C-alpha atoms as a PDB file:
ATOM      1  CA  UNK A   1     -13.358 -17.925 -51.582  1.00  0.00           C
ATOM      2  CA  UNK A   2     -12.756 -14.253 -52.281  1.00  0.00           C
ATOM      3  CA  UNK A   3     -15.478 -13.253 -49.833  1.00  0.00           C
ATOM      4  CA  UNK A   4     -13.905 -15.392 -47.122  1.00  0.00           C
ATOM      5  CA  UNK A   5     -10.545 -13.615 -47.642  1.00  0.00           C
ATOM      6  CA  UNK A   6     -12.348 -10.308 -47.572  1.00  0.00           C
ATOM      7  CA  UNK A   7     -14.000 -11.174 -44.249  1.00  0.00           C
ATOM      8  CA  UNK A   8     -10.665 -12.242 -42.765  1.00  0.00           C
ATOM      9  CA  UNK A   9      -8.999  -9.002 -43.841  1.00  0.00           C
ATOM     10  CA  UNK A  10     -11.884  -6.940 -42.454  1.00  0.00           C
ATOM     11  CA  UNK A  11     -11.785  -8.858 -39.159  1.00  0.00           C
ATOM     12  CA  UNK A  12      -8.037  -8.299 -38.850  1.00  0.00           C
ATOM     13  CA  UNK A  13      -8.490  -4.613 -39.664  1.00  0.00           C
ATOM     14  CA  UNK A  14     -11.178  -4.209 -36.998  1.00  0.00           C
ATOM     15  CA  UNK A  15      -9.026  -5.965 -34.382  1.00  0.00           C
ATOM     16  CA  UNK A  16      -5.961  -3.849 -35.106  1.00  0.00           C
ATOM     17  CA  UNK A  17      -7.868  -0.563 -35.040  1.00  0.00           C
ATOM     18  CA  UNK A  18      -9.357  -1.428 -31.649  1.00  0.00           C
ATOM     19  CA  UNK A  19      -5.847  -2.086 -30.335  1.00  0.00           C
ATOM     20  CA  UNK A  20      -4.707   1.367 -31.344  1.00  0.00           C
ATOM     21  CA  UNK A  21      -7.791   2.953 -29.832  1.00  0.00           C
ATOM     22  CA  UNK A  22      -6.783   1.956 -26.294  1.00  0.00           C
ATOM     23  CA  UNK A  23      -5.512   4.755 -24.104  1.00  0.00           C
ATOM     24  CA  UNK A  24      -1.890   4.535 -22.966  1.00  0.00           C
ATOM     25  CA  UNK A  25      -1.285   3.599 -19.342  1.00  0.00           C
ATOM     26  CA  UNK A  26      -0.963   6.504 -16.968  1.00  0.00           C
ATOM     27  CA  UNK A  27       2.104   6.513 -14.818  1.00  0.00           C
ATOM     28  CA  UNK A  28       1.318   6.788 -11.144  1.00  0.00           C
ATOM     29  CA  UNK A  29       2.556   9.935  -9.578  1.00  0.00           C
ATOM     30  CA  UNK A  30       4.998   9.605  -6.704  1.00  0.00           C
ATOM     31  CA  UNK A  31       3.635  11.211  -3.563  1.00  0.00           C
ATOM     32  CA  UNK A  32       5.876  12.934  -1.080  1.00  0.00           C
ATOM     33  CA  UNK A  33       5.892  11.640   2.490  1.00  0.00           C
ATOM     34  CA  UNK A  34       3.755  14.584   3.624  1.00  0.00           C
ATOM     35  CA  UNK A  35       1.173  13.988   0.888  1.00  0.00           C
ATOM     36  CA  UNK A  36       1.033  10.265   1.673  1.00  0.00           C
ATOM     37  CA  UNK A  37       0.575  10.950   5.396  1.00  0.00           C
ATOM     38  CA  UNK A  38      -2.121  13.549   4.641  1.00  0.00           C
ATOM     39  CA  UNK A  39      -4.040  11.058   2.474  1.00  0.00           C
ATOM     40  CA  UNK A  40      -3.765   8.307   5.078  1.00  0.00           C
ATOM     41  CA  UNK A  41      -4.988  10.670   7.785  1.00  0.00           C
ATOM     42  CA  UNK A  42      -7.972  11.814   5.734  1.00  0.00           C
ATOM     43  CA  UNK A  43      -8.851   8.204   4.848  1.00  0.00           C
ATOM     44  CA  UNK A  44      -8.712   7.153   8.508  1.00  0.00           C
ATOM     45  CA  UNK A  45     -10.744  10.212   9.523  1.00  0.00           C
ATOM     46  CA  UNK A  46     -13.416   9.213   7.015  1.00  0.00           C
ATOM     47  CA  UNK A  47     -13.315   5.553   8.087  1.00  0.00           C
ATOM     48  CA  UNK A  48     -13.732   6.410  11.768  1.00  0.00           C
ATOM     49  CA  UNK A  49     -16.706   8.731  11.040  1.00  0.00           C
ATOM     50  CA  UNK A  50     -15.459  11.428  13.389  1.00  0.00           C
ATOM     51  CA  UNK A  51     -17.328  14.627  14.179  1.00  0.00           C
ATOM     52  CA  UNK A  52     -15.626  18.004  13.634  1.00  0.00           C
ATOM     53  CA  UNK A  53     -14.480  18.452  17.221  1.00  0.00           C
ATOM     54  CA  UNK A  54     -12.941  14.985  17.533  1.00  0.00           C
ATOM     55  CA  UNK A  55     -11.496  15.237  14.042  1.00  0.00           C
ATOM     56  CA  UNK A  56      -9.691  18.453  14.968  1.00  0.00           C
ATOM     57  CA  UNK A  57      -7.983  16.604  17.840  1.00  0.00           C
ATOM     58  CA  UNK A  58      -7.427  13.373  15.925  1.00  0.00           C
ATOM     59  CA  UNK A  59      -5.860  14.530  12.641  1.00  0.00           C
ATOM     60  CA  UNK A  60      -2.719  16.223  14.025  1.00  0.00           C
ATOM     61  CA  UNK A  61      -2.150  13.352  16.458  1.00  0.00           C
ATOM     62  CA  UNK A  62      -2.590  10.711  13.741  1.00  0.00           C
ATOM     63  CA  UNK A  63      -0.203  12.540  11.403  1.00  0.00           C
ATOM     64  CA  UNK A  64       2.331  12.704  14.226  1.00  0.00           C
ATOM     65  CA  UNK A  65       1.823   8.970  14.819  1.00  0.00           C
ATOM     66  CA  UNK A  66       2.405   8.138  11.145  1.00  0.00           C
ATOM     67  CA  UNK A  67       5.590  10.232  11.111  1.00  0.00           C
ATOM     68  CA  UNK A  68       6.824   8.495  14.258  1.00  0.00           C
ATOM     69  CA  UNK A  69       6.182   5.099  12.652  1.00  0.00           C
ATOM     70  CA  UNK A  70       8.065   6.176   9.534  1.00  0.00           C
ATOM     71  CA  UNK A  71      11.053   7.100  11.688  1.00  0.00           C
ATOM     72  CA  UNK A  72      11.055   3.553  13.105  1.00  0.00           C
ATOM     73  CA  UNK A  73      11.847   2.072   9.703  1.00  0.00           C
ATOM     74  CA  UNK A  74      15.461   1.204   9.008  1.00  0.00           C
ATOM     75  CA  UNK A  75      17.260   3.361   6.484  1.00  0.00           C
ATOM     76  CA  UNK A  76      17.347   1.547   3.164  1.00  0.00           C
ATOM     77  CA  UNK A  77      20.814   1.469   1.616  1.00  0.00           C
ATOM     78  CA  UNK A  78      21.058   2.364  -2.043  1.00  0.00           C
ATOM     79  CA  UNK A  79      20.778  -0.642  -4.317  1.00  0.00           C
ATOM     80  CA  UNK A  80      24.218  -0.122  -5.906  1.00  0.00           C
ATOM     81  CA  UNK A  81      26.152  -0.550  -2.651  1.00  0.00           C
ATOM     82  CA  UNK A  82      23.854  -3.184  -1.136  1.00  0.00           C
ATOM     83  CA  UNK A  83      25.408  -6.648  -1.368  1.00  0.00           C
ATOM     84  CA  UNK A  84      23.327  -9.767  -1.931  1.00  0.00           C
ATOM     85  CA  UNK A  85      22.409 -11.847   1.089  1.00  0.00           C
ATOM     86  CA  UNK A  86      24.583 -14.671  -0.178  1.00  0.00           C
ATOM     87  CA  UNK A  87      27.604 -12.318  -0.180  1.00  0.00           C
ATOM     88  CA  UNK A  88      27.188 -11.181   3.445  1.00  0.00           C
ATOM     89  CA  UNK A  89      29.307 -12.508   6.270  1.00  0.00           C
ATOM     90  CA  UNK A  90      27.794 -13.948   9.425  1.00  0.00           C
ATOM     91  CA  UNK A  91      28.653 -10.774  11.352  1.00  0.00           C
ATOM     92  CA  UNK A  92      26.919  -8.562   8.797  1.00  0.00           C
ATOM     93  CA  UNK A  93      23.830 -10.778   8.873  1.00  0.00           C
ATOM     94  CA  UNK A  94      23.855 -10.615  12.667  1.00  0.00           C
ATOM     95  CA  UNK A  95      24.092  -6.814  12.561  1.00  0.00           C
ATOM     96  CA  UNK A  96      21.169  -6.645  10.134  1.00  0.00           C
ATOM     97  CA  UNK A  97      19.034  -8.854  12.357  1.00  0.00           C
ATOM     98  CA  UNK A  98      19.921  -6.806  15.449  1.00  0.00           C
ATOM     99  CA  UNK A  99      18.988  -3.597  13.609  1.00  0.00           C
ATOM    100  CA  UNK A 100      15.711  -5.197  12.562  1.00  0.00           C
ATOM    101  CA  UNK A 101      14.918  -6.137  16.169  1.00  0.00           C
ATOM    102  CA  UNK A 102      15.710  -2.590  17.321  1.00  0.00           C
ATOM    103  CA  UNK A 103      13.329  -1.176  14.713  1.00  0.00           C
ATOM    104  CA  UNK A 104      10.600  -3.564  15.819  1.00  0.00           C
ATOM    105  CA  UNK A 105      11.098  -2.524  19.464  1.00  0.00           C
ATOM    106  CA  UNK A 106      10.868   1.171  18.522  1.00  0.00           C
ATOM    107  CA  UNK A 107       7.722   0.457  16.536  1.00  0.00           C
ATOM    108  CA  UNK A 108       6.036  -1.327  19.452  1.00  0.00           C
ATOM    109  CA  UNK A 109       7.017   1.455  21.873  1.00  0.00           C
ATOM    110  CA  UNK A 110       5.640   4.065  19.471  1.00  0.00           C
ATOM    111  CA  UNK A 111       2.378   2.157  19.114  1.00  0.00           C
ATOM    112  CA  UNK A 112       2.020   1.833  22.898  1.00  0.00           C
ATOM    113  CA  UNK A 113       2.659   5.552  23.370  1.00  0.00           C
ATOM    114  CA  UNK A 114       0.110   6.629  20.786  1.00  0.00           C
ATOM    115  CA  UNK A 115      -2.373   3.974  21.917  1.00  0.00           C
ATOM    116  CA  UNK A 116      -2.620   5.769  25.243  1.00  0.00           C
ATOM    117  CA  UNK A 117      -3.076   9.119  23.482  1.00  0.00           C
ATOM    118  CA  UNK A 118      -5.723   7.859  21.038  1.00  0.00           C
ATOM    119  CA  UNK A 119      -7.597   6.163  23.874  1.00  0.00           C
ATOM    120  CA  UNK A 120      -8.208   9.570  25.455  1.00  0.00           C
ATOM    121  CA  UNK A 121     -10.015  11.035  22.433  1.00  0.00           C
ATOM    122  CA  UNK A 122     -11.556   8.026  20.631  1.00  0.00           C
ATOM    123  CA  UNK A 123     -13.767   5.073  21.507  1.00  0.00           C
ATOM    124  CA  UNK A 124     -12.138   1.660  21.843  1.00  0.00           C
ATOM    125  CA  UNK A 125     -13.767   0.499  18.571  1.00  0.00           C
ATOM    126  CA  UNK A 126     -12.149   3.427  16.768  1.00  0.00           C
ATOM    127  CA  UNK A 127      -8.782   2.816  18.421  1.00  0.00           C
ATOM    128  CA  UNK A 128      -9.003  -0.827  17.388  1.00  0.00           C
ATOM    129  CA  UNK A 129      -9.504   0.230  13.762  1.00  0.00           C
ATOM    130  CA  UNK A 130      -6.314   2.282  13.911  1.00  0.00           C
ATOM    131  CA  UNK A 131      -4.151  -0.491  15.319  1.00  0.00           C
ATOM    132  CA  UNK A 132      -5.759  -3.529  13.651  1.00  0.00           C
ATOM    133  CA  UNK A 133      -3.579  -5.056  10.931  1.00  0.00           C
ATOM    134  CA  UNK A 134      -4.876  -4.331   7.451  1.00  0.00           C
ATOM    135  CA  UNK A 135      -4.478  -6.537   4.406  1.00  0.00           C
ATOM    136  CA  UNK A 136      -2.056  -5.097   1.873  1.00  0.00           C
ATOM    137  CA  UNK A 137      -4.568  -5.600  -0.924  1.00  0.00           C
ATOM    138  CA  UNK A 138      -8.289  -5.006  -0.467  1.00  0.00           C
ATOM    139  CA  UNK A 139     -10.420  -8.088  -0.826  1.00  0.00           C
ATOM    140  CA  UNK A 140     -12.451  -8.344  -3.962  1.00  0.00           C
ATOM    141  CA  UNK A 141     -16.099  -9.175  -3.773  1.00  0.00           C
ATOM    142  CA  UNK A 142     -17.147 -12.092  -5.998  1.00  0.00           C
ATOM    143  CA  UNK A 143     -19.393  -9.965  -8.235  1.00  0.00           C
ATOM    144  CA  UNK A 144     -16.829  -7.275  -9.034  1.00  0.00           C
ATOM    145  CA  UNK A 145     -14.289  -7.462 -11.800  1.00  0.00           C
ATOM    146  CA  UNK A 146     -10.604  -7.211 -10.942  1.00  0.00           C
ATOM    147  CA  UNK A 147      -8.930  -3.940 -11.965  1.00  0.00           C
ATOM    148  CA  UNK A 148      -7.153  -3.971 -15.295  1.00  0.00           C
ATOM    149  CA  UNK A 149      -3.650  -5.333 -14.998  1.00  0.00           C
ATOM    150  CA  UNK A 150      -4.288  -6.994 -11.636  1.00  0.00           C
ATOM    151  CA  UNK A 151      -3.049 -10.554 -11.198  1.00  0.00           C
ATOM    152  CA  UNK A 152      -5.569 -13.349 -10.953  1.00  0.00           C
ATOM    153  CA  UNK A 153      -6.310 -14.881  -7.566  1.00  0.00           C
ATOM    154  CA  UNK A 154      -4.522 -18.224  -7.033  1.00  0.00           C
ATOM    155  CA  UNK A 155      -7.686 -20.327  -7.340  1.00  0.00           C
ATOM    156  CA  UNK A 156      -8.323 -18.974 -10.866  1.00  0.00           C
ATOM    157  CA  UNK A 157      -4.847 -19.650 -12.246  1.00  0.00           C
ATOM    158  CA  UNK A 158      -4.601 -22.426 -14.815  1.00  0.00           C
ATOM    159  CA  UNK A 159      -1.693 -24.753 -14.211  1.00  0.00           C
END
């Protein structure tokens, strides 16, 4: 009986020490808009497999394109002064929807403008990669483990 208690205490001790041995989570650094655009441009440059000459033409144009798209987004009001949707009047909801439609129109016009510019320096396959919609989260291959802290896919959830 005493040995069983001893084993339980040792097991608990081992479990608690392994908990304390884990490294604390790192907080993700907030990138500035310029840093984010630079990273996106370099990632797209790598994905398109561009040579040096084409890359020299592409990178400034792509950065300009990303900045133009960012300008098409509506200005987000601060959360303290933003009322809930249930508290908005019909006129305010209408104004929000109209502003949303205007932003979408600007976005489409910007894409059409830069589509013509990219078409001059890239192949159509490369242009398609720029304008093709991307999933927000990369797909996981069945053999790979999900990153730590990532939610489970819906088919693996127990209900």
